[in-house]
Amino acid sequence: MSGEKAGRGEFAPVMLEDVWGGWKVQVLASALELEIFAHLTAGKRSVGQLAAATRTTPRGIRGLLDALVAMRYLGKRGDQYNLRPPADAYLVPGATVSLWPLVETARACWNDWARLTDVVRSGEPCVAAGNDPGALDRRNKVAAALFCVGRDAAPAAVRAFPPRRMAEIHDILEIGPGAGAWSLSFAKALPEARVTVRDSGQVCPLARQAFAAAKLENRVTFHGGDPRHEDLGVEGFDLLICSYAMSLLGPVEARELARRCAGALKPGGSILIAEFLPNDIRSDPPLALLYGLNLLLHTEQGDAYTLREYRAWIREVGLHFSQTIEAGAFSPLILGTK
């Protein structure tokens, strides 16, 4: 019995982390709104300096700074604070990949998650399609967040891509929310490749900015419209990247999208699928399954599908499952060939 009680006691801190985990999002959001990381970069390190720079009270800024120290974003020596990894890479002004869109997405969905019990009971998303005045803003924030997720992992995906197939890539299509992140890295590695980026509504502004910053705007074409339902063409692409698009759909529509993706590939072409993948018994990892709940809140039928399901759909549409690619993303990428 004592061992059982000790085990429960050891688990209690983990439970508290889960119960109060949402507080961390607001800590990061407030730090970004107050430009704490920018002020630290500029050399303001003490409570007094940062309180003056952010126009806050010493008590308030100290509490926020100390929380960031505990969360491992800042270091502290005496009364001096400093940036730590990953804050010095993802939270400072001019960061190539910023954490800010991810934080904004979490906050934009905050009230929706408070309605999870009702959605689980009804099976209906938070707001019926077409009746949500905040849907466009939330969708743009999600697209920006997924773009950041992809852009951080994409260079590793390019390095891990089979070299023989890299040499055969001339035309690239990327579809899905946040599209452009993965194809940007392929375009950098393939000087002759042409890229088409398609997303519903207005294509993620971050994608346009990133291609322009890389001086690749003359090799990319952006299209609006919804690629999940529109014609993708016939045998026009050597590489098709499906970026978090199939999970937005129910199983029937996801299979149909896989079929249209297969039709858009040239013979010998490759499909690369980026998604949050639970394991086949849907018990881990937590982030993939939480993403599935987020889709329950915001889509009619979307879900976090398993690798087994994606492999089956790839084969059903006449493609061959080749391998998974570990690229430092939240889940491995799925590679199929025609």
Protein backbone atom coordinates (compact mmCIF):
# COMPACT_ATOMS: atom_id res chain seq x y z
CA MET A 1 0.00 0.00 0.00
CA SER A 2 2.84 2.40 0.83
CA GLY A 3 4.34 1.86 -2.57
CA GLU A 4 1.01 2.64 -4.19
CA LYS A 5 0.68 5.84 -2.19
CA ALA A 6 4.23 6.87 -3.07
CA GLY A 7 3.48 6.32 -6.73
CA ARG A 8 0.44 8.53 -6.52
CA GLY A 9 2.43 11.21 -4.76
CA GLU A 10 5.11 11.15 -7.43
CA PHE A 11 2.49 11.62 -10.13
CA ALA A 12 0.83 14.60 -8.46
CA PRO A 13 3.31 17.21 -9.83
CA VAL A 14 2.72 15.88 -13.36
CA MET A 15 -1.01 16.29 -12.85
CA LEU A 16 -0.53 19.86 -11.64
CA GLU A 17 1.55 20.62 -14.75
CA ASP A 18 -1.37 19.41 -16.86
CA VAL A 19 -4.01 21.27 -14.84
CA TRP A 20 -2.13 24.55 -14.89
CA GLY A 21 -0.36 24.07 -18.22
CA GLY A 22 -2.49 26.68 -19.95
CA TRP A 23 -0.95 29.35 -17.76
CA LYS A 24 2.32 28.91 -19.63
CA VAL A 25 0.74 30.06 -22.89
CA GLN A 26 -0.30 33.34 -21.30
CA VAL A 27 3.16 33.82 -19.78
CA LEU A 28 4.71 33.54 -23.24
CA ALA A 29 2.04 35.74 -24.78
CA SER A 30 2.55 38.49 -22.20
CA ALA A 31 6.32 38.28 -22.60
CA LEU A 32 5.98 38.71 -26.36
CA GLU A 33 3.43 41.52 -26.06
CA LEU A 34 5.75 43.38 -23.68
CA GLU A 35 8.69 42.70 -26.00
CA ILE A 36 10.75 41.27 -23.14
CA PHE A 37 12.94 39.20 -25.46
CA ALA A 38 13.64 42.24 -27.65
CA HIS A 39 14.62 44.33 -24.63
CA LEU A 40 16.92 41.57 -23.37
CA THR A 41 18.55 41.44 -26.79
CA ALA A 42 19.08 45.20 -26.55
CA GLY A 43 21.00 44.77 -23.29
CA LYS A 44 18.34 45.55 -20.69
CA ARG A 45 18.86 42.84 -18.08
CA SER A 46 17.72 44.01 -14.62
CA VAL A 47 14.21 44.25 -13.19
CA GLY A 48 14.48 48.03 -13.04
CA GLN A 49 15.65 48.36 -16.65
CA LEU A 50 13.00 45.98 -17.95
CA ALA A 51 10.21 47.57 -15.88
CA ALA A 52 11.10 50.98 -17.32
CA ALA A 53 11.40 49.64 -20.89
CA THR A 54 8.10 47.76 -20.74
CA ARG A 55 6.25 50.40 -18.66
CA THR A 56 5.33 47.83 -16.04
CA THR A 57 5.73 47.60 -12.26
CA PRO A 58 8.87 46.01 -10.78
CA ARG A 59 6.72 43.49 -8.92
CA GLY A 60 4.83 42.52 -12.07
CA ILE A 61 7.84 42.23 -14.37
CA ARG A 62 9.82 40.30 -11.76
CA GLY A 63 7.06 37.72 -11.49
CA LEU A 64 6.89 37.34 -15.25
CA LEU A 65 10.68 37.11 -15.63
CA ASP A 66 10.99 34.52 -12.87
CA ALA A 67 8.25 32.40 -14.45
CA LEU A 68 10.20 32.53 -17.74
CA VAL A 69 13.31 31.41 -15.87
CA ALA A 70 11.40 28.44 -14.43
CA MET A 71 10.10 27.62 -17.91
CA ARG A 72 13.74 27.59 -19.14
CA TYR A 73 13.35 30.48 -21.59
CA LEU A 74 15.55 32.80 -19.51
CA GLY A 75 18.56 32.41 -17.26
CA LYS A 76 19.19 34.41 -14.11
CA ARG A 77 22.30 35.46 -12.18
CA GLY A 78 21.69 37.76 -9.23
CA ASP A 79 19.30 40.41 -10.50
CA GLN A 80 20.40 40.00 -14.13
CA TYR A 81 18.34 38.03 -16.67
CA ASN A 82 19.52 36.60 -19.97
CA LEU A 83 18.15 34.68 -22.95
CA ARG A 84 18.50 30.90 -23.12
CA PRO A 85 17.88 28.47 -25.97
CA PRO A 86 15.34 28.20 -27.53
CA ALA A 87 14.30 31.79 -26.74
CA ASP A 88 17.43 33.20 -28.36
CA ALA A 89 16.48 31.48 -31.64
CA TYR A 90 12.67 31.63 -31.76
CA LEU A 91 11.54 34.62 -29.71
CA VAL A 92 13.91 37.45 -30.57
CA PRO A 93 13.22 40.12 -33.20
CA GLY A 94 14.09 38.98 -36.70
CA ALA A 95 13.98 35.27 -35.84
CA THR A 96 13.84 33.16 -39.00
CA VAL A 97 11.13 31.04 -37.40
CA SER A 98 9.10 32.77 -34.68
CA LEU A 99 7.12 31.12 -31.90
CA TRP A 100 4.65 34.02 -31.87
CA PRO A 101 2.17 32.53 -34.40
CA LEU A 102 1.99 29.34 -32.31
CA VAL A 103 1.25 31.36 -29.18
CA GLU A 104 -1.39 33.41 -31.00
CA THR A 105 -3.06 30.24 -32.25
CA ALA A 106 -3.27 28.78 -28.75
CA ARG A 107 -4.87 31.97 -27.44
CA ALA A 108 -7.26 32.28 -30.40
CA CYS A 109 -8.62 28.82 -29.62
CA TRP A 110 -8.72 29.32 -25.85
CA ASN A 111 -12.47 29.92 -25.58
CA ASP A 112 -13.21 27.08 -28.00
CA TRP A 113 -11.38 24.59 -25.79
CA ALA A 114 -13.56 25.69 -22.88
CA ARG A 115 -16.46 24.24 -24.87
CA LEU A 116 -14.86 20.82 -25.35
CA THR A 117 -17.38 19.00 -23.12
CA ASP A 118 -20.31 20.26 -25.21
CA VAL A 119 -18.56 19.35 -28.46
CA VAL A 120 -17.72 15.85 -27.22
CA ARG A 121 -21.40 15.38 -26.33
CA SER A 122 -22.82 16.74 -29.57
CA GLY A 123 -20.12 15.79 -32.07
CA GLU A 124 -20.64 19.20 -33.67
CA PRO A 125 -17.85 21.79 -33.99
CA CYS A 126 -17.90 24.94 -31.87
CA VAL A 127 -19.60 27.08 -34.52
CA ALA A 128 -21.38 25.81 -37.60
CA ALA A 129 -19.58 26.43 -40.87
CA GLY A 130 -20.35 29.88 -42.25
CA ASN A 131 -21.62 31.23 -38.93
CA ASP A 132 -18.33 31.98 -37.21
CA PRO A 133 -17.25 35.64 -37.52
CA GLY A 134 -13.82 34.78 -36.07
CA ALA A 135 -13.20 31.80 -38.34
CA LEU A 136 -11.05 33.66 -40.88
CA ASP A 137 -8.79 35.19 -38.24
CA ARG A 138 -8.42 31.85 -36.47
CA ARG A 139 -7.71 30.04 -39.75
CA ASN A 140 -5.01 32.59 -40.62
CA LYS A 141 -3.39 32.11 -37.21
CA VAL A 142 -3.46 28.32 -37.60
CA ALA A 143 -1.94 28.63 -41.08
CA ALA A 144 0.85 30.82 -39.70
CA ALA A 145 1.49 28.36 -36.88
CA LEU A 146 1.63 25.34 -39.19
CA PHE A 147 3.90 27.27 -41.55
CA CYS A 148 6.31 27.82 -38.65
CA VAL A 149 6.14 24.14 -37.67
CA GLY A 150 6.96 23.09 -41.22
CA ARG A 151 9.61 25.68 -41.89
CA ASP A 152 11.59 24.64 -38.83
CA ALA A 153 11.62 20.97 -39.85
CA ALA A 154 11.79 21.30 -43.65
CA PRO A 155 15.60 21.59 -44.09
CA ALA A 156 16.05 18.25 -42.32
CA ALA A 157 13.38 16.74 -44.55
CA VAL A 158 15.27 17.87 -47.65
CA ARG A 159 18.51 16.39 -46.32
CA ALA A 160 16.79 13.08 -45.58
CA PHE A 161 14.98 12.90 -48.94
CA PRO A 162 16.39 10.14 -51.21
CA PRO A 163 19.08 11.80 -53.41
CA ARG A 164 17.99 9.92 -56.54
CA ARG A 165 14.49 11.34 -56.21
CA MET A 166 15.81 14.83 -55.52
CA ALA A 167 17.49 14.79 -58.93
CA GLU A 168 14.14 14.02 -60.59
CA ILE A 169 12.22 16.95 -59.06
CA HIS A 170 11.42 19.85 -61.39
CA ASP A 171 7.81 20.78 -60.55
CA ILE A 172 6.54 20.96 -56.95
CA LEU A 173 3.02 21.43 -55.61
CA GLU A 174 2.32 22.08 -51.93
CA ILE A 175 -1.22 22.18 -50.57
CA GLY A 176 -2.80 22.66 -47.16
CA PRO A 177 -2.98 25.20 -44.34
CA GLY A 178 0.35 26.92 -43.93
CA ALA A 179 1.49 25.65 -47.31
CA GLY A 180 4.86 26.87 -48.58
CA ALA A 181 7.08 25.95 -45.65
CA TRP A 182 8.22 22.58 -46.95
CA SER A 183 8.41 23.52 -50.64
CA LEU A 184 10.54 26.57 -49.80
CA SER A 185 13.36 24.35 -48.56
CA PHE A 186 13.09 22.10 -51.60
CA ALA A 187 13.22 25.17 -53.86
CA LYS A 188 16.38 26.36 -52.11
CA ALA A 189 18.01 22.97 -52.69
CA LEU A 190 16.83 22.65 -56.31
CA PRO A 191 17.75 25.80 -58.29
CA GLU A 192 15.75 24.76 -61.37
CA ALA A 193 12.57 23.65 -59.60
CA ARG A 194 9.27 25.47 -60.01
CA VAL A 195 6.84 25.64 -57.08
CA THR A 196 3.06 25.99 -56.88
CA VAL A 197 1.51 26.77 -53.48
CA ARG A 198 -2.23 26.33 -52.91
CA ASP A 199 -4.30 27.02 -49.84
CA SER A 200 -7.88 27.91 -49.08
CA GLY A 201 -8.65 31.62 -49.00
CA GLN A 202 -5.61 33.88 -48.85
CA VAL A 203 -2.39 31.89 -48.99
CA CYS A 204 -0.38 32.29 -45.78
CA PRO A 205 1.34 35.72 -45.91
CA LEU A 206 4.38 34.21 -44.21
CA ALA A 207 4.90 31.96 -47.23
CA ARG A 208 4.93 34.92 -49.59
CA GLN A 209 7.35 36.80 -47.34
CA ALA A 210 9.65 33.79 -46.98
CA PHE A 211 9.89 33.15 -50.74
CA ALA A 212 10.53 36.86 -51.32
CA ALA A 213 13.22 36.97 -48.61
CA ALA A 214 14.92 33.98 -50.23
CA LYS A 215 14.70 35.76 -53.63
CA LEU A 216 12.69 32.87 -55.02
CA GLU A 217 9.47 34.73 -55.84
CA ASN A 218 10.13 34.29 -59.57
CA ARG A 219 9.97 30.50 -59.15
CA VAL A 220 6.73 30.22 -57.14
CA THR A 221 3.06 30.64 -58.04
CA PHE A 222 0.46 31.16 -55.32
CA HIS A 223 -3.18 30.11 -55.73
CA GLY A 224 -6.14 30.62 -53.43
CA GLY A 225 -9.21 28.41 -53.45
CA ASP A 226 -9.56 25.16 -51.54
CA PRO A 227 -7.14 22.48 -52.81
CA ARG A 228 -9.03 19.84 -50.82
CA HIS A 229 -11.88 20.08 -53.32
CA GLU A 230 -10.48 21.73 -56.47
CA ASP A 231 -8.85 20.11 -59.48
CA LEU A 232 -5.11 19.61 -58.93
CA GLY A 233 -4.43 18.74 -62.56
CA VAL A 234 -3.16 15.56 -64.20
CA GLU A 235 0.43 14.34 -63.99
CA GLY A 236 1.87 17.83 -63.63
CA PHE A 237 4.20 17.46 -60.63
CA ASP A 238 7.28 15.50 -59.62
CA LEU A 239 6.71 16.19 -55.92
CA LEU A 240 3.43 16.90 -54.16
CA ILE A 241 3.56 17.97 -50.52
CA CYS A 242 0.32 17.53 -48.60
CA SER A 243 0.76 19.74 -45.55
CA TYR A 244 -1.78 19.09 -42.74
CA ALA A 245 -4.62 18.94 -45.29
CA MET A 246 -5.97 15.38 -45.01
CA SER A 247 -6.52 15.61 -41.27
CA LEU A 248 -9.04 18.42 -41.83
CA LEU A 249 -11.31 15.97 -43.64
CA GLY A 250 -13.36 12.92 -42.84
CA PRO A 251 -12.06 9.52 -44.02
CA VAL A 252 -14.06 9.51 -47.27
CA GLU A 253 -12.93 13.02 -48.28
CA ALA A 254 -9.35 12.28 -47.18
CA ARG A 255 -9.25 9.25 -49.49
CA GLU A 256 -10.63 11.39 -52.30
CA LEU A 257 -7.91 13.99 -51.74
CA ALA A 258 -5.30 11.22 -51.80
CA ARG A 259 -6.75 10.06 -55.14
CA ARG A 260 -6.52 13.56 -56.64
CA CYS A 261 -2.99 13.95 -55.32
CA ALA A 262 -2.03 10.68 -56.99
CA GLY A 263 -3.54 11.88 -60.25
CA ALA A 264 -1.55 15.14 -60.09
CA LEU A 265 1.78 13.27 -59.87
CA LYS A 266 3.87 12.41 -62.90
CA PRO A 267 4.83 8.73 -63.23
CA GLY A 268 7.63 8.14 -60.76
CA GLY A 269 6.66 11.23 -58.78
CA SER A 270 6.61 11.41 -54.97
CA ILE A 271 4.05 12.48 -52.39
CA LEU A 272 5.23 13.80 -49.03
CA ILE A 273 2.60 13.96 -46.29
CA ALA A 274 3.12 16.06 -43.14
CA GLU A 275 0.65 15.41 -40.33
CA PHE A 276 0.40 14.88 -36.57
CA LEU A 277 0.46 11.07 -36.30
CA PRO A 278 -0.81 9.11 -33.29
CA ASN A 279 0.52 5.58 -32.98
CA ASP A 280 -1.59 2.80 -34.46
CA ILE A 281 -3.41 2.06 -31.18
CA ARG A 282 -4.00 5.78 -30.62
CA SER A 283 -2.33 5.92 -27.20
CA ASP A 284 0.61 8.26 -27.89
CA PRO A 285 2.08 10.84 -28.47
CA PRO A 286 -0.08 13.32 -26.52
CA LEU A 287 0.38 16.24 -28.93
CA ALA A 288 -0.99 14.29 -31.90
CA LEU A 289 -4.07 13.21 -29.96
CA LEU A 290 -4.63 16.73 -28.60
CA TYR A 291 -4.41 17.98 -32.19
CA GLY A 292 -7.15 15.48 -33.00
CA LEU A 293 -9.33 17.07 -30.32
CA ASN A 294 -8.59 20.49 -31.80
CA LEU A 295 -9.92 19.17 -35.11
CA LEU A 296 -13.02 17.90 -33.29
CA LEU A 297 -13.58 21.45 -32.06
CA HIS A 298 -13.06 23.16 -35.40
CA THR A 299 -13.95 20.80 -38.26
CA GLU A 300 -16.99 18.78 -39.30
CA GLN A 301 -15.16 15.44 -39.60
CA GLY A 302 -11.41 16.04 -39.26
CA ASP A 303 -9.24 13.76 -37.14
CA ALA A 304 -5.65 12.86 -36.34
CA TYR A 305 -5.19 9.75 -38.46
CA THR A 306 -2.58 7.06 -37.87
CA LEU A 307 0.31 6.05 -40.10
CA ARG A 308 -1.52 2.77 -40.80
CA GLU A 309 -4.48 4.72 -42.17
CA TYR A 310 -2.34 6.94 -44.40
CA ARG A 311 -0.45 3.92 -45.73
CA ALA A 312 -3.75 2.24 -46.60
CA TRP A 313 -5.03 5.34 -48.44
CA ILE A 314 -1.77 5.69 -50.37
CA ARG A 315 -2.05 2.11 -51.58
CA GLU A 316 -5.75 2.37 -52.38
CA VAL A 317 -5.07 5.17 -54.88
CA GLY A 318 -2.32 3.25 -56.65
CA LEU A 319 0.74 4.73 -54.95
CA HIS A 320 3.47 2.84 -53.18
CA PHE A 321 4.35 3.56 -49.56
CA SER A 322 8.11 4.12 -49.56
CA GLN A 323 9.18 5.12 -46.06
CA THR A 324 8.80 7.58 -43.22
CA ILE A 325 11.30 10.41 -42.86
CA GLU A 326 12.42 11.72 -39.49
CA ALA A 327 12.85 15.46 -39.96
CA GLY A 328 12.61 16.88 -36.47
CA ALA A 329 8.90 17.60 -36.90
CA PHE A 330 6.32 16.51 -34.34
CA SER A 331 5.71 13.34 -36.35
CA PRO A 332 7.63 11.57 -39.10
CA LEU A 333 6.83 12.51 -42.69
CA ILE A 334 5.19 9.93 -44.97
CA LEU A 335 6.76 9.35 -48.39
CA GLY A 336 4.96 7.58 -51.23
CA THR A 337 5.75 7.14 -54.93
CA LYS A 338 3.77 6.69 -58.12
